[in-house]
């Protein structure tokens, strides 16, 4: 996981304000909407190098609270699976055994690795978790020239071999889940909440990965803002009606969150770019938003052909795919939460 070592004060204030408002009504149906008999529980805590906001609705107070706790625990579990920042993380330990042949891995890590392989292929390698060593290189040494040309170890298709619950990495390889991990965790949390009977939920990991279904305690669908290159404004808003949203933006070398690396050049993408992707699941949305920062506007059609919808912006302007249900008139809605991007 990419770890953010310093949070923007305004982001934290926004998160605290939203979580506080949700918590104040947690377990209490909306007073002005007596016909909607739903209770809401809210949670907010640091995980996966960012802050998770969670709001869950259910027919009674205890159920809402239990559902929120279960979802919180599951996201924390996926952080344990995918973190590369702690030596007890499953992916960290797997990376440490690169070059040692097949390793027995857990079911969840195997699921994550399979998703990485599939989505890297779907994006023609523009999303590639095997750039892990390059992410670390450019984070720690931003003023240096590019490293010596790397070989197959920075391409997941050649670096990783996965066979059921056994996997192996080429020597000198390392996988980074920063372009897919939050989406995977939210997908699992949404599936859990649906299976346990939640009436609605909104999950937000740092603004860059969001998912929602059903409605809030007032019976309203979940609406979020779509971020722009200019962090003081947004393009508009979109309803998350059972779908997931991911926003990625280019960052310079040396950024604590880690830059998005172009696997072809082995360098950070430095041109200002931001991509927001709406997809059926969080892993797909996050992988494609990362890929589009690498590919630029030339990749928008490929994303559309893959079945996702896009809002892409660079200095040349904004591209919006026809199926992206952007509502500009709701951009300033008080119920919106602007994704800030990874």
Foldseek 3Di string as FASTA:
>chain_A
DQAAPDDDPVLVVVLVVVQVVQCVQAFHFDPVQVVQQKGKDWDWDDAPNFIKIKIFIDNGRVLRVVLVVVLVVLLNVLSQAADLPDCSRQQVVQQVCAAVDKDFGDPVNLVVLVLQVVLCVLLVNLQAQQLVVLLVCLQVPVVDDFDDDDDCLSHSVRQWDHDRRIIHGHPPTGGHCLLFSVQVSVQVSVVVCVVSPIQKMWMQTQLFKIAMAHPHSSRHFAKAFADDLPRVFTQAIATRHQKMKGKAWADGGNRSSTGLARSVVSHGLDFTKMKMKIGNTRRNRSSVRSSCSNVPPVCQVSNVVVPIWMWMDGPVGIDGDPPGPGDHVCRPPPSYHHRPHD
